[in-house]
PDB file of N, CA and C in Angstrom:
ATOM      1  N   UNK A   1     -63.052 -21.392 -57.517  1.00  0.00           N
ATOM      2  CA  UNK A   1     -61.845 -22.129 -57.179  1.00  0.00           C
ATOM      3  C   UNK A   1     -61.351 -21.641 -55.832  1.00  0.00           C
ATOM      4  N   UNK A   2     -60.849 -22.564 -55.116  1.00  0.00           N
ATOM      5  CA  UNK A   2     -60.171 -22.195 -53.885  1.00  0.00           C
ATOM      6  C   UNK A   2     -58.923 -21.411 -54.264  1.00  0.00           C
ATOM      7  N   UNK A   3     -58.621 -20.429 -53.492  1.00  0.00           N
ATOM      8  CA  UNK A   3     -57.404 -19.673 -53.744  1.00  0.00           C
ATOM      9  C   UNK A   3     -56.157 -20.474 -53.378  1.00  0.00           C
ATOM     10  N   UNK A   4     -56.358 -21.662 -52.828  1.00  0.00           N
ATOM     11  CA  UNK A   4     -55.239 -22.474 -52.363  1.00  0.00           C
ATOM     12  C   UNK A   4     -54.271 -22.800 -53.500  1.00  0.00           C
ATOM     13  N   UNK A   5     -54.765 -23.210 -54.651  1.00  0.00           N
ATOM     14  CA  UNK A   5     -53.871 -23.555 -55.764  1.00  0.00           C
ATOM     15  C   UNK A   5     -53.109 -22.327 -56.242  1.00  0.00           C
ATOM     16  N   UNK A   6     -53.778 -21.192 -56.330  1.00  0.00           N
ATOM     17  CA  UNK A   6     -53.100 -19.956 -56.741  1.00  0.00           C
ATOM     18  C   UNK A   6     -52.045 -19.567 -55.704  1.00  0.00           C
ATOM     19  N   UNK A   7     -52.369 -19.694 -54.439  1.00  0.00           N
ATOM     20  CA  UNK A   7     -51.397 -19.385 -53.388  1.00  0.00           C
ATOM     21  C   UNK A   7     -50.194 -20.317 -53.462  1.00  0.00           C
ATOM     22  N   UNK A   8     -50.466 -21.597 -53.675  1.00  0.00           N
ATOM     23  CA  UNK A   8     -49.380 -22.572 -53.801  1.00  0.00           C
ATOM     24  C   UNK A   8     -48.508 -22.238 -54.998  1.00  0.00           C
ATOM     25  N   UNK A   9     -49.138 -21.929 -56.133  1.00  0.00           N
ATOM     26  CA  UNK A   9     -48.389 -21.560 -57.332  1.00  0.00           C
ATOM     27  C   UNK A   9     -47.514 -20.340 -57.062  1.00  0.00           C
ATOM     28  N   UNK A  10     -48.066 -19.335 -56.403  1.00  0.00           N
ATOM     29  CA  UNK A  10     -47.288 -18.128 -56.102  1.00  0.00           C
ATOM     30  C   UNK A  10     -46.085 -18.451 -55.223  1.00  0.00           C
ATOM     31  N   UNK A  11     -46.287 -19.310 -54.231  1.00  0.00           N
ATOM     32  CA  UNK A  11     -45.175 -19.704 -53.355  1.00  0.00           C
ATOM     33  C   UNK A  11     -44.087 -20.440 -54.139  1.00  0.00           C
ATOM     34  N   UNK A  12     -44.500 -21.372 -54.993  1.00  0.00           N
ATOM     35  CA  UNK A  12     -43.534 -22.147 -55.778  1.00  0.00           C
ATOM     36  C   UNK A  12     -42.770 -21.256 -56.753  1.00  0.00           C
ATOM     37  N   UNK A  13     -43.475 -20.344 -57.403  1.00  0.00           N
ATOM     38  CA  UNK A  13     -42.833 -19.439 -58.357  1.00  0.00           C
ATOM     39  C   UNK A  13     -41.862 -18.508 -57.638  1.00  0.00           C
ATOM     40  N   UNK A  14     -42.233 -18.057 -56.462  1.00  0.00           N
ATOM     41  CA  UNK A  14     -41.327 -17.192 -55.683  1.00  0.00           C
ATOM     42  C   UNK A  14     -40.022 -17.922 -55.399  1.00  0.00           C
ATOM     43  N   UNK A  15     -40.112 -19.181 -54.990  1.00  0.00           N
ATOM     44  CA  UNK A  15     -38.908 -19.964 -54.714  1.00  0.00           C
ATOM     45  C   UNK A  15     -38.071 -20.172 -55.982  1.00  0.00           C
ATOM     46  N   UNK A  16     -38.729 -20.541 -57.079  1.00  0.00           N
ATOM     47  CA  UNK A  16     -38.013 -20.768 -58.338  1.00  0.00           C
ATOM     48  C   UNK A  16     -37.388 -19.468 -58.843  1.00  0.00           C
ATOM     49  N   UNK A  17     -38.128 -18.376 -58.753  1.00  0.00           N
ATOM     50  CA  UNK A  17     -37.648 -17.071 -59.199  1.00  0.00           C
ATOM     51  C   UNK A  17     -36.409 -16.650 -58.413  1.00  0.00           C
ATOM     52  N   UNK A  18     -36.432 -16.876 -57.119  1.00  0.00           N
ATOM     53  CA  UNK A  18     -35.290 -16.528 -56.276  1.00  0.00           C
ATOM     54  C   UNK A  18     -34.046 -17.303 -56.705  1.00  0.00           C
ATOM     55  N   UNK A  19     -34.206 -18.574 -56.986  1.00  0.00           N
ATOM     56  CA  UNK A  19     -33.074 -19.394 -57.441  1.00  0.00           C
ATOM     57  C   UNK A  19     -32.565 -18.944 -58.808  1.00  0.00           C
ATOM     58  N   UNK A  20     -33.488 -18.650 -59.720  1.00  0.00           N
ATOM     59  CA  UNK A  20     -33.085 -18.190 -61.056  1.00  0.00           C
ATOM     60  C   UNK A  20     -32.287 -16.897 -60.936  1.00  0.00           C
ATOM     61  N   UNK A  21     -32.764 -15.957 -60.122  1.00  0.00           N
ATOM     62  CA  UNK A  21     -32.055 -14.688 -59.959  1.00  0.00           C
ATOM     63  C   UNK A  21     -30.672 -14.902 -59.358  1.00  0.00           C
ATOM     64  N   UNK A  22     -30.578 -15.833 -58.437  1.00  0.00           N
ATOM     65  CA  UNK A  22     -29.289 -16.117 -57.814  1.00  0.00           C
ATOM     66  C   UNK A  22     -28.320 -16.733 -58.819  1.00  0.00           C
ATOM     67  N   UNK A  23     -28.798 -17.672 -59.622  1.00  0.00           N
ATOM     68  CA  UNK A  23     -27.938 -18.408 -60.554  1.00  0.00           C
ATOM     69  C   UNK A  23     -27.738 -17.709 -61.894  1.00  0.00           C
ATOM     70  N   UNK A  24     -28.698 -16.898 -62.312  1.00  0.00           N
ATOM     71  CA  UNK A  24     -28.650 -16.233 -63.622  1.00  0.00           C
ATOM     72  C   UNK A  24     -29.177 -14.809 -63.469  1.00  0.00           C
ATOM     73  N   UNK A  25     -28.416 -13.964 -62.818  1.00  0.00           N
ATOM     74  CA  UNK A  25     -28.887 -12.620 -62.483  1.00  0.00           C
ATOM     75  C   UNK A  25     -29.248 -11.799 -63.715  1.00  0.00           C
ATOM     76  N   UNK A  26     -28.680 -12.122 -64.861  1.00  0.00           N
ATOM     77  CA  UNK A  26     -28.984 -11.360 -66.075  1.00  0.00           C
ATOM     78  C   UNK A  26     -30.392 -11.639 -66.604  1.00  0.00           C
ATOM     79  N   UNK A  27     -31.049 -12.702 -66.149  1.00  0.00           N
ATOM     80  CA  UNK A  27     -32.401 -13.003 -66.626  1.00  0.00           C
ATOM     81  C   UNK A  27     -33.454 -12.128 -65.953  1.00  0.00           C
ATOM     82  N   UNK A  28     -33.446 -12.099 -64.634  1.00  0.00           N
ATOM     83  CA  UNK A  28     -34.371 -11.294 -63.836  1.00  0.00           C
ATOM     84  C   UNK A  28     -35.808 -11.336 -64.364  1.00  0.00           C
ATOM     85  N   UNK A  29     -36.449 -12.521 -64.320  1.00  0.00           N
ATOM     86  CA  UNK A  29     -37.832 -12.631 -64.805  1.00  0.00           C
ATOM     87  C   UNK A  29     -38.799 -11.767 -64.002  1.00  0.00           C
ATOM     88  N   UNK A  30     -39.866 -11.369 -64.657  1.00  0.00           N
ATOM     89  CA  UNK A  30     -40.922 -10.582 -64.042  1.00  0.00           C
ATOM     90  C   UNK A  30     -42.161 -11.481 -63.938  1.00  0.00           C
ATOM     91  N   UNK A  31     -42.708 -11.601 -62.730  1.00  0.00           N
ATOM     92  CA  UNK A  31     -43.868 -12.456 -62.497  1.00  0.00           C
ATOM     93  C   UNK A  31     -45.095 -11.577 -62.285  1.00  0.00           C
ATOM     94  N   UNK A  32     -46.182 -11.940 -62.955  1.00  0.00           N
ATOM     95  CA  UNK A  32     -47.436 -11.224 -62.784  1.00  0.00           C
ATOM     96  C   UNK A  32     -48.591 -12.182 -62.596  1.00  0.00           C
ATOM     97  N   UNK A  33     -49.540 -11.818 -61.749  1.00  0.00           N
ATOM     98  CA  UNK A  33     -50.743 -12.611 -61.525  1.00  0.00           C
ATOM     99  C   UNK A  33     -51.931 -11.770 -61.947  1.00  0.00           C
ATOM    100  N   UNK A  34     -52.830 -12.394 -62.700  1.00  0.00           N
ATOM    101  CA  UNK A  34     -54.007 -11.674 -63.168  1.00  0.00           C
ATOM    102  C   UNK A  34     -55.264 -12.474 -62.866  1.00  0.00           C
ATOM    103  N   UNK A  35     -56.221 -11.782 -62.287  1.00  0.00           N
ATOM    104  CA  UNK A  35     -57.535 -12.371 -62.077  1.00  0.00           C
ATOM    105  C   UNK A  35     -58.563 -11.653 -62.956  1.00  0.00           C
ATOM    106  N   UNK A  36     -58.075 -10.962 -63.983  1.00  0.00           N
ATOM    107  CA  UNK A  36     -58.959 -10.172 -64.853  1.00  0.00           C
ATOM    108  C   UNK A  36     -59.818 -11.038 -65.765  1.00  0.00           C
ATOM    109  N   UNK A  37     -59.423 -12.298 -65.978  1.00  0.00           N
ATOM    110  CA  UNK A  37     -60.267 -13.170 -66.799  1.00  0.00           C
ATOM    111  C   UNK A  37     -61.623 -13.355 -66.126  1.00  0.00           C
ATOM    112  N   UNK A  38     -61.642 -13.334 -64.817  1.00  0.00           N
ATOM    113  CA  UNK A  38     -62.887 -13.479 -64.059  1.00  0.00           C
ATOM    114  C   UNK A  38     -63.848 -12.319 -64.357  1.00  0.00           C
ATOM    115  N   UNK A  39     -63.295 -11.129 -64.568  1.00  0.00           N
ATOM    116  CA  UNK A  39     -64.132  -9.962 -64.884  1.00  0.00           C
ATOM    117  C   UNK A  39     -64.824 -10.123 -66.229  1.00  0.00           C
ATOM    118  N   UNK A  40     -64.223 -10.952 -67.102  1.00  0.00           N
ATOM    119  CA  UNK A  40     -64.812 -11.221 -68.418  1.00  0.00           C
ATOM    120  C   UNK A  40     -65.684 -12.462 -68.408  1.00  0.00           C
ATOM    121  N   UNK A  41     -65.892 -13.039 -67.223  1.00  0.00           N
ATOM    122  CA  UNK A  41     -66.759 -14.209 -67.119  1.00  0.00           C
ATOM    123  C   UNK A  41     -66.050 -15.539 -67.262  1.00  0.00           C
ATOM    124  N   UNK A  42     -64.727 -15.544 -67.373  1.00  0.00           N
ATOM    125  CA  UNK A  42     -63.969 -16.784 -67.487  1.00  0.00           C
ATOM    126  C   UNK A  42     -63.500 -17.164 -66.080  1.00  0.00           C
ATOM    127  N   UNK A  43     -63.934 -18.322 -65.573  1.00  0.00           N
ATOM    128  CA  UNK A  43     -63.585 -18.711 -64.208  1.00  0.00           C
ATOM    129  C   UNK A  43     -62.162 -19.266 -64.110  1.00  0.00           C
ATOM    130  N   UNK A  44     -61.188 -18.373 -64.221  1.00  0.00           N
ATOM    131  CA  UNK A  44     -59.790 -18.798 -64.211  1.00  0.00           C
ATOM    132  C   UNK A  44     -58.889 -17.652 -63.755  1.00  0.00           C
ATOM    133  N   UNK A  45     -57.711 -18.039 -63.266  1.00  0.00           N
ATOM    134  CA  UNK A  45     -56.667 -17.096 -62.915  1.00  0.00           C
ATOM    135  C   UNK A  45     -55.460 -17.381 -63.801  1.00  0.00           C
ATOM    136  N   UNK A  46     -54.680 -16.356 -64.060  1.00  0.00           N
ATOM    137  CA  UNK A  46     -53.511 -16.526 -64.921  1.00  0.00           C
ATOM    138  C   UNK A  46     -52.271 -15.933 -64.262  1.00  0.00           C
ATOM    139  N   UNK A  47     -51.141 -16.539 -64.599  1.00  0.00           N
ATOM    140  CA  UNK A  47     -49.849 -16.030 -64.160  1.00  0.00           C
ATOM    141  C   UNK A  47     -48.967 -15.966 -65.393  1.00  0.00           C
ATOM    142  N   UNK A  48     -48.197 -14.896 -65.477  1.00  0.00           N
ATOM    143  CA  UNK A  48     -47.195 -14.803 -66.537  1.00  0.00           C
ATOM    144  C   UNK A  48     -45.833 -14.651 -65.888  1.00  0.00           C
ATOM    145  N   UNK A  49     -44.856 -15.277 -66.513  1.00  0.00           N
ATOM    146  CA  UNK A  49     -43.468 -15.121 -66.107  1.00  0.00           C
ATOM    147  C   UNK A  49     -42.742 -14.641 -67.354  1.00  0.00           C
ATOM    148  N   UNK A  50     -42.298 -13.397 -67.329  1.00  0.00           N
ATOM    149  CA  UNK A  50     -41.693 -12.774 -68.499  1.00  0.00           C
ATOM    150  C   UNK A  50     -40.189 -12.634 -68.341  1.00  0.00           C
ATOM    151  N   UNK A  51     -39.495 -12.829 -69.443  1.00  0.00           N
ATOM    152  CA  UNK A  51     -38.069 -12.546 -69.505  1.00  0.00           C
ATOM    153  C   UNK A  51     -37.904 -11.380 -70.475  1.00  0.00           C
ATOM    154  N   UNK A  52     -37.654 -10.204 -69.938  1.00  0.00           N
ATOM    155  CA  UNK A  52     -37.546  -9.012 -70.777  1.00  0.00           C
ATOM    156  C   UNK A  52     -36.379  -9.117 -71.742  1.00  0.00           C
ATOM    157  N   UNK A  53     -35.317  -9.754 -71.309  1.00  0.00           N
ATOM    158  CA  UNK A  53     -34.104  -9.894 -72.130  1.00  0.00           C
ATOM    159  C   UNK A  53     -34.386 -10.633 -73.441  1.00  0.00           C
ATOM    160  N   UNK A  54     -35.155 -11.713 -73.364  1.00  0.00           N
ATOM    161  CA  UNK A  54     -35.413 -12.538 -74.551  1.00  0.00           C
ATOM    162  C   UNK A  54     -36.777 -12.284 -75.183  1.00  0.00           C
ATOM    163  N   UNK A  55     -37.673 -11.619 -74.456  1.00  0.00           N
ATOM    164  CA  UNK A  55     -39.032 -11.412 -74.958  1.00  0.00           C
ATOM    165  C   UNK A  55     -39.905 -12.646 -74.807  1.00  0.00           C
ATOM    166  N   UNK A  56     -39.415 -13.635 -74.062  1.00  0.00           N
ATOM    167  CA  UNK A  56     -40.173 -14.873 -73.884  1.00  0.00           C
ATOM    168  C   UNK A  56     -41.083 -14.771 -72.664  1.00  0.00           C
ATOM    169  N   UNK A  57     -42.155 -15.574 -72.710  1.00  0.00           N
ATOM    170  CA  UNK A  57     -43.159 -15.558 -71.646  1.00  0.00           C
ATOM    171  C   UNK A  57     -43.632 -16.985 -71.382  1.00  0.00           C
ATOM    172  N   UNK A  58     -43.795 -17.296 -70.121  1.00  0.00           N
ATOM    173  CA  UNK A  58     -44.437 -18.534 -69.714  1.00  0.00           C
ATOM    174  C   UNK A  58     -45.804 -18.140 -69.158  1.00  0.00           C
ATOM    175  N   UNK A  59     -46.854 -18.752 -69.685  1.00  0.00           N
ATOM    176  CA  UNK A  59     -48.222 -18.463 -69.253  1.00  0.00           C
ATOM    177  C   UNK A  59     -48.738 -19.685 -68.492  1.00  0.00           C
ATOM    178  N   UNK A  60     -49.286 -19.446 -67.324  1.00  0.00           N
ATOM    179  CA  UNK A  60     -49.871 -20.515 -66.513  1.00  0.00           C
ATOM    180  C   UNK A  60     -51.307 -20.112 -66.209  1.00  0.00           C
ATOM    181  N   UNK A  61     -52.251 -21.013 -66.491  1.00  0.00           N
ATOM    182  CA  UNK A  61     -53.667 -20.731 -66.267  1.00  0.00           C
ATOM    183  C   UNK A  61     -54.253 -21.806 -65.351  1.00  0.00           C
ATOM    184  N   UNK A  62     -54.960 -21.345 -64.345  1.00  0.00           N
ATOM    185  CA  UNK A  62     -55.652 -22.225 -63.407  1.00  0.00           C
ATOM    186  C   UNK A  62     -57.149 -22.050 -63.612  1.00  0.00           C
ATOM    187  N   UNK A  63     -57.806 -23.071 -64.152  1.00  0.00           N
ATOM    188  CA  UNK A  63     -59.248 -23.024 -64.411  1.00  0.00           C
ATOM    189  C   UNK A  63     -60.018 -23.607 -63.238  1.00  0.00           C
ATOM    190  N   UNK A  64     -61.080 -22.939 -62.841  1.00  0.00           N
ATOM    191  CA  UNK A  64     -61.937 -23.470 -61.782  1.00  0.00           C
ATOM    192  C   UNK A  64     -62.519 -24.832 -62.165  1.00  0.00           C
ATOM    193  N   UNK A  65     -62.826 -25.011 -63.454  1.00  0.00           N
ATOM    194  CA  UNK A  65     -63.482 -26.238 -63.923  1.00  0.00           C
ATOM    195  C   UNK A  65     -62.560 -27.452 -63.892  1.00  0.00           C
ATOM    196  N   UNK A  66     -61.255 -27.228 -63.818  1.00  0.00           N
ATOM    197  CA  UNK A  66     -60.298 -28.345 -63.744  1.00  0.00           C
ATOM    198  C   UNK A  66     -59.244 -28.024 -62.678  1.00  0.00           C
ATOM    199  N   UNK A  67     -59.664 -28.061 -61.403  1.00  0.00           N
ATOM    200  CA  UNK A  67     -58.772 -27.651 -60.321  1.00  0.00           C
ATOM    201  C   UNK A  67     -57.578 -28.582 -60.101  1.00  0.00           C
ATOM    202  N   UNK A  68     -57.589 -29.734 -60.726  1.00  0.00           N
ATOM    203  CA  UNK A  68     -56.472 -30.668 -60.566  1.00  0.00           C
ATOM    204  C   UNK A  68     -55.459 -30.559 -61.701  1.00  0.00           C
ATOM    205  N   UNK A  69     -55.651 -29.562 -62.574  1.00  0.00           N
ATOM    206  CA  UNK A  69     -54.754 -29.386 -63.713  1.00  0.00           C
ATOM    207  C   UNK A  69     -54.198 -27.963 -63.748  1.00  0.00           C
ATOM    208  N   UNK A  70     -52.956 -27.876 -64.181  1.00  0.00           N
ATOM    209  CA  UNK A  70     -52.308 -26.592 -64.432  1.00  0.00           C
ATOM    210  C   UNK A  70     -52.078 -26.531 -65.937  1.00  0.00           C
ATOM    211  N   UNK A  71     -52.586 -25.505 -66.573  1.00  0.00           N
ATOM    212  CA  UNK A  71     -52.399 -25.309 -68.011  1.00  0.00           C
ATOM    213  C   UNK A  71     -51.251 -24.334 -68.206  1.00  0.00           C
ATOM    214  N   UNK A  72     -50.355 -24.649 -69.138  1.00  0.00           N
ATOM    215  CA  UNK A  72     -49.211 -23.768 -69.339  1.00  0.00           C
ATOM    216  C   UNK A  72     -48.813 -23.745 -70.811  1.00  0.00           C
ATOM    217  N   UNK A  73     -48.112 -22.661 -71.155  1.00  0.00           N
ATOM    218  CA  UNK A  73     -47.663 -22.481 -72.527  1.00  0.00           C
ATOM    219  C   UNK A  73     -46.403 -21.624 -72.526  1.00  0.00           C
ATOM    220  N   UNK A  74     -45.473 -21.985 -73.383  1.00  0.00           N
ATOM    221  CA  UNK A  74     -44.277 -21.175 -73.606  1.00  0.00           C
ATOM    222  C   UNK A  74     -44.578 -20.282 -74.799  1.00  0.00           C
ATOM    223  N   UNK A  75     -44.544 -18.985 -74.575  1.00  0.00           N
ATOM    224  CA  UNK A  75     -44.989 -18.024 -75.582  1.00  0.00           C
ATOM    225  C   UNK A  75     -43.997 -16.870 -75.656  1.00  0.00           C
ATOM    226  N   UNK A  76     -44.436 -15.797 -76.302  1.00  0.00           N
ATOM    227  CA  UNK A  76     -43.646 -14.571 -76.416  1.00  0.00           C
ATOM    228  C   UNK A  76     -44.486 -13.395 -75.945  1.00  0.00           C
ATOM    229  N   UNK A  77     -43.834 -12.419 -75.360  1.00  0.00           N
ATOM    230  CA  UNK A  77     -44.527 -11.255 -74.820  1.00  0.00           C
ATOM    231  C   UNK A  77     -45.249 -10.457 -75.894  1.00  0.00           C
ATOM    232  N   UNK A  78     -44.697 -10.409 -77.091  1.00  0.00           N
ATOM    233  CA  UNK A  78     -45.254  -9.563 -78.141  1.00  0.00           C
ATOM    234  C   UNK A  78     -46.136 -10.319 -79.135  1.00  0.00           C
ATOM    235  N   UNK A  79     -46.491 -11.557 -78.812  1.00  0.00           N
ATOM    236  CA  UNK A  79     -47.348 -12.355 -79.694  1.00  0.00           C
ATOM    237  C   UNK A  79     -48.494 -12.940 -78.883  1.00  0.00           C
ATOM    238  N   UNK A  80     -49.633 -13.075 -79.542  1.00  0.00           N
ATOM    239  CA  UNK A  80     -50.766 -13.708 -78.879  1.00  0.00           C
ATOM    240  C   UNK A  80     -50.447 -15.174 -78.632  1.00  0.00           C
ATOM    241  N   UNK A  81     -50.893 -15.696 -77.492  1.00  0.00           N
ATOM    242  CA  UNK A  81     -50.647 -17.116 -77.225  1.00  0.00           C
ATOM    243  C   UNK A  81     -51.481 -17.994 -78.150  1.00  0.00           C
ATOM    244  N   UNK A  82     -51.026 -19.215 -78.321  1.00  0.00           N
ATOM    245  CA  UNK A  82     -51.791 -20.197 -79.082  1.00  0.00           C
ATOM    246  C   UNK A  82     -52.966 -20.651 -78.225  1.00  0.00           C
ATOM    247  N   UNK A  83     -53.948 -21.286 -78.843  1.00  0.00           N
ATOM    248  CA  UNK A  83     -55.093 -21.799 -78.095  1.00  0.00           C
ATOM    249  C   UNK A  83     -54.760 -23.072 -77.332  1.00  0.00           C
ATOM    250  N   UNK A  84     -53.748 -23.790 -77.792  1.00  0.00           N
ATOM    251  CA  UNK A  84     -53.393 -25.055 -77.168  1.00  0.00           C
ATOM    252  C   UNK A  84     -52.413 -24.848 -76.027  1.00  0.00           C
ATOM    253  N   UNK A  85     -52.774 -25.364 -74.863  1.00  0.00           N
ATOM    254  CA  UNK A  85     -51.919 -25.321 -73.694  1.00  0.00           C
ATOM    255  C   UNK A  85     -51.547 -26.743 -73.304  1.00  0.00           C
ATOM    256  N   UNK A  86     -50.363 -26.897 -72.778  1.00  0.00           N
ATOM    257  CA  UNK A  86     -49.961 -28.167 -72.185  1.00  0.00           C
ATOM    258  C   UNK A  86     -50.619 -28.254 -70.817  1.00  0.00           C
ATOM    259  N   UNK A  87     -50.740 -29.475 -70.295  1.00  0.00           N
ATOM    260  CA  UNK A  87     -51.332 -29.639 -68.980  1.00  0.00           C
ATOM    261  C   UNK A  87     -50.434 -30.477 -68.089  1.00  0.00           C
ATOM    262  N   UNK A  88     -50.506 -30.170 -66.811  1.00  0.00           N
ATOM    263  CA  UNK A  88     -49.749 -30.881 -65.796  1.00  0.00           C
ATOM    264  C   UNK A  88     -50.669 -31.031 -64.595  1.00  0.00           C
ATOM    265  N   UNK A  89     -50.652 -32.202 -63.974  1.00  0.00           N
ATOM    266  CA  UNK A  89     -51.448 -32.381 -62.761  1.00  0.00           C
ATOM    267  C   UNK A  89     -50.955 -31.396 -61.710  1.00  0.00           C
ATOM    268  N   UNK A  90     -51.880 -30.728 -61.044  1.00  0.00           N
ATOM    269  CA  UNK A  90     -51.490 -29.692 -60.086  1.00  0.00           C
ATOM    270  C   UNK A  90     -50.637 -30.260 -58.952  1.00  0.00           C
ATOM    271  N   UNK A  91     -50.839 -31.519 -58.592  1.00  0.00           N
ATOM    272  CA  UNK A  91     -50.026 -32.091 -57.513  1.00  0.00           C
ATOM    273  C   UNK A  91     -48.615 -32.446 -57.970  1.00  0.00           C
ATOM    274  N   UNK A  92     -48.348 -32.378 -59.271  1.00  0.00           N
ATOM    275  CA  UNK A  92     -47.002 -32.633 -59.798  1.00  0.00           C
ATOM    276  C   UNK A  92     -46.186 -31.341 -59.938  1.00  0.00           C
ATOM    277  N   UNK A  93     -46.867 -30.207 -59.867  1.00  0.00           N
ATOM    278  CA  UNK A  93     -46.171 -28.930 -60.013  1.00  0.00           C
ATOM    279  C   UNK A  93     -45.253 -28.716 -58.822  1.00  0.00           C
ATOM    280  N   UNK A  94     -44.028 -28.320 -59.102  1.00  0.00           N
ATOM    281  CA  UNK A  94     -43.054 -28.108 -58.036  1.00  0.00           C
ATOM    282  C   UNK A  94     -42.188 -26.901 -58.353  1.00  0.00           C
ATOM    283  N   UNK A  95     -41.471 -26.456 -57.350  1.00  0.00           N
ATOM    284  CA  UNK A  95     -40.521 -25.369 -57.538  1.00  0.00           C
ATOM    285  C   UNK A  95     -39.478 -25.764 -58.573  1.00  0.00           C
ATOM    286  N   UNK A  96     -39.043 -27.020 -58.549  1.00  0.00           N
ATOM    287  CA  UNK A  96     -38.025 -27.486 -59.490  1.00  0.00           C
ATOM    288  C   UNK A  96     -38.530 -27.454 -60.924  1.00  0.00           C
ATOM    289  N   UNK A  97     -39.767 -27.846 -61.140  1.00  0.00           N
ATOM    290  CA  UNK A  97     -40.339 -27.796 -62.498  1.00  0.00           C
ATOM    291  C   UNK A  97     -40.381 -26.355 -62.987  1.00  0.00           C
ATOM    292  N   UNK A  98     -40.851 -25.445 -62.161  1.00  0.00           N
ATOM    293  CA  UNK A  98     -40.901 -24.033 -62.555  1.00  0.00           C
ATOM    294  C   UNK A  98     -39.505 -23.483 -62.823  1.00  0.00           C
ATOM    295  N   UNK A  99     -38.561 -23.844 -61.997  1.00  0.00           N
ATOM    296  CA  UNK A  99     -37.173 -23.438 -62.213  1.00  0.00           C
ATOM    297  C   UNK A  99     -36.678 -23.966 -63.555  1.00  0.00           C
ATOM    298  N   UNK A 100     -36.933 -25.249 -63.807  1.00  0.00           N
ATOM    299  CA  UNK A 100     -36.502 -25.855 -65.071  1.00  0.00           C
ATOM    300  C   UNK A 100     -37.135 -25.173 -66.274  1.00  0.00           C
ATOM    301  N   UNK A 101     -38.420 -24.824 -66.165  1.00  0.00           N
ATOM    302  CA  UNK A 101     -39.081 -24.118 -67.271  1.00  0.00           C
ATOM    303  C   UNK A 101     -38.379 -22.792 -67.538  1.00  0.00           C
ATOM    304  N   UNK A 102     -38.149 -22.011 -66.501  1.00  0.00           N
ATOM    305  CA  UNK A 102     -37.493 -20.712 -66.684  1.00  0.00           C
ATOM    306  C   UNK A 102     -36.076 -20.893 -67.210  1.00  0.00           C
ATOM    307  N   UNK A 103     -35.362 -21.814 -66.640  1.00  0.00           N
ATOM    308  CA  UNK A 103     -33.972 -22.051 -67.045  1.00  0.00           C
ATOM    309  C   UNK A 103     -33.892 -22.481 -68.507  1.00  0.00           C
ATOM    310  N   UNK A 104     -34.634 -23.516 -68.872  1.00  0.00           N
ATOM    311  CA  UNK A 104     -34.502 -24.053 -70.230  1.00  0.00           C
ATOM    312  C   UNK A 104     -35.105 -23.130 -71.279  1.00  0.00           C
ATOM    313  N   UNK A 105     -36.243 -22.516 -70.984  1.00  0.00           N
ATOM    314  CA  UNK A 105     -36.899 -21.679 -72.002  1.00  0.00           C
ATOM    315  C   UNK A 105     -36.237 -20.310 -72.126  1.00  0.00           C
ATOM    316  N   UNK A 106     -35.971 -19.661 -71.024  1.00  0.00           N
ATOM    317  CA  UNK A 106     -35.402 -18.326 -71.082  1.00  0.00           C
ATOM    318  C   UNK A 106     -33.952 -18.326 -71.526  1.00  0.00           C
ATOM    319  N   UNK A 107     -33.233 -19.393 -71.242  1.00  0.00           N
ATOM    320  CA  UNK A 107     -31.826 -19.454 -71.637  1.00  0.00           C
ATOM    321  C   UNK A 107     -31.602 -20.089 -73.007  1.00  0.00           C
ATOM    322  N   UNK A 108     -32.627 -20.672 -73.593  1.00  0.00           N
ATOM    323  CA  UNK A 108     -32.488 -21.274 -74.920  1.00  0.00           C
ATOM    324  C   UNK A 108     -32.040 -20.216 -75.914  1.00  0.00           C
ATOM    325  N   UNK A 109     -30.984 -20.513 -76.636  1.00  0.00           N
ATOM    326  CA  UNK A 109     -30.428 -19.596 -77.645  1.00  0.00           C
ATOM    327  C   UNK A 109     -29.914 -18.298 -77.037  1.00  0.00           C
ATOM    328  N   UNK A 110     -29.660 -18.290 -75.722  1.00  0.00           N
ATOM    329  CA  UNK A 110     -29.126 -17.099 -75.066  1.00  0.00           C
ATOM    330  C   UNK A 110     -27.641 -16.998 -75.367  1.00  0.00           C
ATOM    331  N   UNK A 111     -27.213 -15.838 -75.730  1.00  0.00           N
ATOM    332  CA  UNK A 111     -25.798 -15.628 -76.054  1.00  0.00           C
ATOM    333  C   UNK A 111     -25.093 -14.995 -74.892  1.00  0.00           C
TER     334      UNK A 111
END
């Protein structure tokens, strides 16, 4: 896979993360990028966006075999993810979508 999609994703997440921190400083999500799946022979990169406060995690996977799709799942840090991921066309991914995911998922049931 071209690193272009991963670079674009990182740029978009940085923008969304900055806005989330500005608007909801108590959330302070942690973003991580992993290319370790490649070491296991899986041609994909993964990103996690964790909310330590709620224990929630957003998982984003970019597969080389489907470069026009972004696979994502709303999960929990302390639980294994499900096998089923939602998909979004990579050209539809935006900073606003990532912001909305963090806002709606991390703040759901937040007291």
